[in-house]
Amino acid sequence: MAIRNLHVRRLPADEDTVGALIDSLASPHDQLWPHDRWPAMRFDRPLGVGATGGHGPIRYQVVAYLPGRWIRFRFTAPRGFDGIHEFTVHRESDGTSLHHLLSMHARGPARITWPILWRPLHDAALEDCLDRAERSTAGTVRAPTRWSWLVRLLVSVVSRRFRRVVHEPVQRVPRTR
């Protein structure tokens, strides 16, 4: 099954400012990936061609990188994800847009798990990512992403399954008598 999934956000900043967001990925000062809501993006070395890693159960390798403009990752897991995803910076007449493109063929079990599980989670994570980009460049988010009931349910199930807490639980203070 062929899949093409595109997310775009127009940002009130120049290309260099938006490109710096891509360059910050997986660093201690990551301004793009929403690691406060999703498993952090991590690599085995600094961002560059050949770096391998991912976020949570999604694994990939950096296969192309033009600092400040474009980065492409090739999926290595989950099984059946045969393709790439990438961030690109595009100059617009009224600012700059940040694009995220996922292009892949879902094979085997991924033909079922992509539409039911991975697509809703992917879409929510990418919109959170673009909210973070907007906050970094504009200081605010005009229309923050709200998770659907399905995404909240899937995050709950997946976070338990992979022993990764997406939101820190509320700490209850025991009552003293």
Foldseek 3Di string as FASTA:
>chain_A
DKDKDKDKDFAQAALQLLLVLVQCAQPPPRLFFPVLQFFHWHWPDHDDAQTWTGGQQWIWGWHDDDRSAKTKTATPDDPQWGFIWMWGWAQDPRGIMIMIITITGGDDPSVVCCVQAVVLLVVQRNLQRVQSSRCSRPVHGPDRDDRDPSNVVNLVVVCVVRVHNSHDDDDDDDDDD
